[in-house]
Amino acid sequence: EKARLLAEAHEAAQNAEQVRLAEISRLKEELCIAKESRLKAEAARIKAQRLFDATHRQLQEEKCRSLQTFESSQKLAKEYEEMKRAEESLLAVMKKTVENRKRE
Protein backbone atom coordinates (compact mmCIF):
# COMPACT_ATOMS: atom_id res chain seq x y z
CA GLU A 1 0.00 0.00 0.00
CA LYS A 2 2.80 2.34 0.94
CA ALA A 3 4.61 1.64 -2.31
CA ARG A 4 1.42 2.26 -4.29
CA LEU A 5 0.81 5.57 -2.52
CA LEU A 6 4.43 6.55 -3.08
CA ALA A 7 4.15 5.65 -6.78
CA GLU A 8 0.91 7.70 -7.10
CA ALA A 9 2.52 10.65 -5.33
CA HIS A 10 5.53 10.36 -7.64
CA GLU A 11 3.27 10.19 -10.70
CA ALA A 12 1.21 13.17 -9.47
CA ALA A 13 4.42 15.15 -8.94
CA GLN A 14 5.58 14.26 -12.46
CA ASN A 15 2.20 15.31 -13.92
CA ALA A 16 2.32 18.57 -11.97
CA GLU A 17 5.86 19.20 -13.26
CA GLN A 18 4.73 18.54 -16.86
CA VAL A 19 1.80 20.92 -16.39
CA ARG A 20 4.14 23.54 -14.93
CA LEU A 21 6.62 23.12 -17.82
CA ALA A 22 3.78 23.33 -20.38
CA GLU A 23 2.52 26.52 -18.70
CA ILE A 24 6.03 28.00 -18.73
CA SER A 25 6.36 27.13 -22.42
CA ARG A 26 2.98 28.71 -23.20
CA LEU A 27 3.88 31.86 -21.27
CA LYS A 28 7.23 32.11 -23.08
CA GLU A 29 5.43 31.81 -26.41
CA GLU A 30 2.92 34.52 -25.42
CA LEU A 31 5.78 36.74 -24.28
CA CYS A 32 7.51 36.22 -27.63
CA ILE A 33 4.32 37.10 -29.51
CA ALA A 34 3.81 40.18 -27.33
CA LYS A 35 7.39 41.34 -27.92
CA GLU A 36 7.00 40.81 -31.67
CA SER A 37 3.73 42.76 -31.67
CA ARG A 38 5.34 45.58 -29.68
CA LEU A 39 8.25 45.71 -32.13
CA LYS A 40 5.88 45.80 -35.10
CA ALA A 41 3.86 48.56 -33.44
CA GLU A 42 7.02 50.55 -32.74
CA ALA A 43 8.17 50.11 -36.34
CA ALA A 44 4.77 51.29 -37.59
CA ARG A 45 4.91 54.29 -35.23
CA ILE A 46 8.40 55.22 -36.50
CA LYS A 47 7.25 54.85 -40.12
CA ALA A 48 4.20 57.02 -39.45
CA GLN A 49 6.36 59.64 -37.70
CA ARG A 50 8.77 59.74 -40.64
CA LEU A 51 5.88 60.12 -43.08
CA PHE A 52 4.41 62.90 -40.94
CA ASP A 53 7.78 64.65 -40.73
CA ALA A 54 8.32 64.39 -44.49
CA THR A 55 4.81 65.67 -45.22
CA HIS A 56 5.24 68.52 -42.75
CA ARG A 57 8.58 69.45 -44.31
CA GLN A 58 7.03 69.40 -47.81
CA LEU A 59 4.17 71.61 -46.64
CA GLN A 60 6.62 74.06 -45.06
CA GLU A 61 8.66 74.18 -48.27
CA GLU A 62 5.49 74.71 -50.34
CA LYS A 63 4.37 77.45 -47.96
CA CYS A 64 7.77 79.13 -48.33
CA ARG A 65 7.60 78.89 -52.13
CA SER A 66 4.06 80.27 -52.13
CA LEU A 67 5.10 83.14 -49.91
CA GLN A 68 8.06 83.91 -52.20
CA THR A 69 5.76 83.79 -55.24
CA PHE A 70 3.27 86.10 -53.52
CA GLU A 71 6.03 88.52 -52.53
CA SER A 72 7.41 88.45 -56.09
CA SER A 73 3.94 89.13 -57.47
CA GLN A 74 3.48 92.03 -55.06
CA LYS A 75 6.87 93.46 -56.08
CA LEU A 76 6.05 93.11 -59.79
CA ALA A 77 2.67 94.77 -59.28
CA LYS A 78 4.35 97.66 -57.45
CA GLU A 79 6.96 98.02 -60.20
CA TYR A 80 4.20 97.94 -62.83
CA GLU A 81 2.29 100.70 -61.04
CA GLU A 82 5.48 102.79 -60.78
CA MET A 83 6.17 102.30 -64.50
CA LYS A 84 2.60 103.24 -65.32
CA ARG A 85 2.86 106.44 -63.26
CA ALA A 86 6.22 107.25 -64.88
CA GLU A 87 4.72 106.65 -68.32
CA GLU A 88 1.73 108.90 -67.50
CA SER A 89 4.09 111.56 -66.19
CA LEU A 90 6.23 111.32 -69.33
CA LEU A 91 3.16 111.55 -71.55
CA ALA A 92 2.00 114.65 -69.65
CA VAL A 93 5.43 116.27 -70.11
CA MET A 94 5.43 115.40 -73.81
CA LYS A 95 1.91 116.77 -74.20
CA LYS A 96 2.91 120.06 -72.55
CA THR A 97 6.01 120.22 -74.72
CA VAL A 98 3.90 119.74 -77.86
CA GLU A 99 1.41 122.40 -76.64
CA ASN A 100 4.24 124.83 -75.89
CA ARG A 101 5.75 124.30 -79.34
CA LYS A 102 2.37 124.90 -80.97
CA ARG A 103 2.10 128.21 -79.12
CA GLU A 104 5.52 129.30 -80.24
C-alpha atoms as a PDB file:
ATOM      1  CA  GLU A   1       0.000   0.000   0.000  1.00  0.00           C
ATOM      2  CA  LYS A   2       2.802   2.340   0.944  1.00  0.00           C
ATOM      3  CA  ALA A   3       4.605   1.641  -2.310  1.00  0.00           C
ATOM      4  CA  ARG A   4       1.424   2.264  -4.295  1.00  0.00           C
ATOM      5  CA  LEU A   5       0.815   5.574  -2.520  1.00  0.00           C
ATOM      6  CA  LEU A   6       4.435   6.546  -3.083  1.00  0.00           C
ATOM      7  CA  ALA A   7       4.152   5.654  -6.784  1.00  0.00           C
ATOM      8  CA  GLU A   8       0.907   7.703  -7.104  1.00  0.00           C
ATOM      9  CA  ALA A   9       2.520  10.646  -5.333  1.00  0.00           C
ATOM     10  CA  HIS A  10       5.528  10.362  -7.635  1.00  0.00           C
ATOM     11  CA  GLU A  11       3.266  10.193 -10.704  1.00  0.00           C
ATOM     12  CA  ALA A  12       1.212  13.173  -9.468  1.00  0.00           C
ATOM     13  CA  ALA A  13       4.419  15.145  -8.937  1.00  0.00           C
ATOM     14  CA  GLN A  14       5.578  14.265 -12.462  1.00  0.00           C
ATOM     15  CA  ASN A  15       2.202  15.305 -13.916  1.00  0.00           C
ATOM     16  CA  ALA A  16       2.319  18.570 -11.972  1.00  0.00           C
ATOM     17  CA  GLU A  17       5.855  19.197 -13.261  1.00  0.00           C
ATOM     18  CA  GLN A  18       4.726  18.535 -16.863  1.00  0.00           C
ATOM     19  CA  VAL A  19       1.796  20.917 -16.394  1.00  0.00           C
ATOM     20  CA  ARG A  20       4.141  23.545 -14.932  1.00  0.00           C
ATOM     21  CA  LEU A  21       6.618  23.125 -17.816  1.00  0.00           C
ATOM     22  CA  ALA A  22       3.783  23.328 -20.377  1.00  0.00           C
ATOM     23  CA  GLU A  23       2.516  26.518 -18.699  1.00  0.00           C
ATOM     24  CA  ILE A  24       6.032  28.004 -18.726  1.00  0.00           C
ATOM     25  CA  SER A  25       6.365  27.133 -22.416  1.00  0.00           C
ATOM     26  CA  ARG A  26       2.976  28.711 -23.200  1.00  0.00           C
ATOM     27  CA  LEU A  27       3.883  31.864 -21.266  1.00  0.00           C
ATOM     28  CA  LYS A  28       7.227  32.106 -23.083  1.00  0.00           C
ATOM     29  CA  GLU A  29       5.426  31.814 -26.414  1.00  0.00           C
ATOM     30  CA  GLU A  30       2.916  34.523 -25.417  1.00  0.00           C
ATOM     31  CA  LEU A  31       5.784  36.744 -24.279  1.00  0.00           C
ATOM     32  CA  CYS A  32       7.515  36.215 -27.627  1.00  0.00           C
ATOM     33  CA  ILE A  33       4.323  37.096 -29.507  1.00  0.00           C
ATOM     34  CA  ALA A  34       3.805  40.185 -27.330  1.00  0.00           C
ATOM     35  CA  LYS A  35       7.392  41.341 -27.917  1.00  0.00           C
ATOM     36  CA  GLU A  36       7.001  40.806 -31.668  1.00  0.00           C
ATOM     37  CA  SER A  37       3.733  42.762 -31.671  1.00  0.00           C
ATOM     38  CA  ARG A  38       5.341  45.575 -29.682  1.00  0.00           C
ATOM     39  CA  LEU A  39       8.254  45.713 -32.128  1.00  0.00           C
ATOM     40  CA  LYS A  40       5.877  45.800 -35.098  1.00  0.00           C
ATOM     41  CA  ALA A  41       3.856  48.556 -33.439  1.00  0.00           C
ATOM     42  CA  GLU A  42       7.019  50.552 -32.737  1.00  0.00           C
ATOM     43  CA  ALA A  43       8.174  50.109 -36.338  1.00  0.00           C
ATOM     44  CA  ALA A  44       4.768  51.292 -37.587  1.00  0.00           C
ATOM     45  CA  ARG A  45       4.914  54.294 -35.232  1.00  0.00           C
ATOM     46  CA  ILE A  46       8.395  55.222 -36.498  1.00  0.00           C
ATOM     47  CA  LYS A  47       7.255  54.849 -40.118  1.00  0.00           C
ATOM     48  CA  ALA A  48       4.201  57.023 -39.450  1.00  0.00           C
ATOM     49  CA  GLN A  49       6.355  59.643 -37.698  1.00  0.00           C
ATOM     50  CA  ARG A  50       8.768  59.742 -40.643  1.00  0.00           C
ATOM     51  CA  LEU A  51       5.877  60.116 -43.078  1.00  0.00           C
ATOM     52  CA  PHE A  52       4.411  62.903 -40.942  1.00  0.00           C
ATOM     53  CA  ASP A  53       7.780  64.653 -40.730  1.00  0.00           C
ATOM     54  CA  ALA A  54       8.321  64.386 -44.488  1.00  0.00           C
ATOM     55  CA  THR A  55       4.810  65.672 -45.217  1.00  0.00           C
ATOM     56  CA  HIS A  56       5.242  68.521 -42.745  1.00  0.00           C
ATOM     57  CA  ARG A  57       8.581  69.450 -44.307  1.00  0.00           C
ATOM     58  CA  GLN A  58       7.031  69.401 -47.806  1.00  0.00           C
ATOM     59  CA  LEU A  59       4.174  71.612 -46.639  1.00  0.00           C
ATOM     60  CA  GLN A  60       6.616  74.060 -45.056  1.00  0.00           C
ATOM     61  CA  GLU A  61       8.658  74.175 -48.273  1.00  0.00           C
ATOM     62  CA  GLU A  62       5.492  74.709 -50.339  1.00  0.00           C
ATOM     63  CA  LYS A  63       4.374  77.446 -47.959  1.00  0.00           C
ATOM     64  CA  CYS A  64       7.767  79.125 -48.326  1.00  0.00           C
ATOM     65  CA  ARG A  65       7.604  78.894 -52.134  1.00  0.00           C
ATOM     66  CA  SER A  66       4.057  80.270 -52.126  1.00  0.00           C
ATOM     67  CA  LEU A  67       5.104  83.144 -49.914  1.00  0.00           C
ATOM     68  CA  GLN A  68       8.056  83.907 -52.202  1.00  0.00           C
ATOM     69  CA  THR A  69       5.758  83.788 -55.238  1.00  0.00           C
ATOM     70  CA  PHE A  70       3.274  86.096 -53.516  1.00  0.00           C
ATOM     71  CA  GLU A  71       6.029  88.518 -52.531  1.00  0.00           C
ATOM     72  CA  SER A  72       7.407  88.452 -56.089  1.00  0.00           C
ATOM     73  CA  SER A  73       3.937  89.132 -57.472  1.00  0.00           C
ATOM     74  CA  GLN A  74       3.484  92.027 -55.057  1.00  0.00           C
ATOM     75  CA  LYS A  75       6.869  93.456 -56.085  1.00  0.00           C
ATOM     76  CA  LEU A  76       6.047  93.108 -59.787  1.00  0.00           C
ATOM     77  CA  ALA A  77       2.670  94.767 -59.276  1.00  0.00           C
ATOM     78  CA  LYS A  78       4.346  97.655 -57.450  1.00  0.00           C
ATOM     79  CA  GLU A  79       6.964  98.016 -60.198  1.00  0.00           C
ATOM     80  CA  TYR A  80       4.205  97.944 -62.828  1.00  0.00           C
ATOM     81  CA  GLU A  81       2.293 100.703 -61.041  1.00  0.00           C
ATOM     82  CA  GLU A  82       5.481 102.787 -60.777  1.00  0.00           C
ATOM     83  CA  MET A  83       6.174 102.297 -64.496  1.00  0.00           C
ATOM     84  CA  LYS A  84       2.596 103.241 -65.322  1.00  0.00           C
ATOM     85  CA  ARG A  85       2.860 106.444 -63.255  1.00  0.00           C
ATOM     86  CA  ALA A  86       6.221 107.253 -64.881  1.00  0.00           C
ATOM     87  CA  GLU A  87       4.720 106.649 -68.319  1.00  0.00           C
ATOM     88  CA  GLU A  88       1.732 108.897 -67.504  1.00  0.00           C
ATOM     89  CA  SER A  89       4.086 111.561 -66.194  1.00  0.00           C
ATOM     90  CA  LEU A  90       6.229 111.319 -69.330  1.00  0.00           C
ATOM     91  CA  LEU A  91       3.157 111.548 -71.546  1.00  0.00           C
ATOM     92  CA  ALA A  92       2.003 114.646 -69.645  1.00  0.00           C
ATOM     93  CA  VAL A  93       5.431 116.270 -70.112  1.00  0.00           C
ATOM     94  CA  MET A  94       5.431 115.397 -73.812  1.00  0.00           C
ATOM     95  CA  LYS A  95       1.912 116.765 -74.196  1.00  0.00           C
ATOM     96  CA  LYS A  96       2.910 120.056 -72.552  1.00  0.00           C
ATOM     97  CA  THR A  97       6.013 120.221 -74.720  1.00  0.00           C
ATOM     98  CA  VAL A  98       3.898 119.743 -77.856  1.00  0.00           C
ATOM     99  CA  GLU A  99       1.411 122.399 -76.644  1.00  0.00           C
ATOM    100  CA  ASN A 100       4.243 124.829 -75.885  1.00  0.00           C
ATOM    101  CA  ARG A 101       5.750 124.303 -79.340  1.00  0.00           C
ATOM    102  CA  LYS A 102       2.372 124.899 -80.969  1.00  0.00           C
ATOM    103  CA  ARG A 103       2.097 128.213 -79.117  1.00  0.00           C
ATOM    104  CA  GLU A 104       5.523 129.303 -80.242  1.00  0.00           C
END
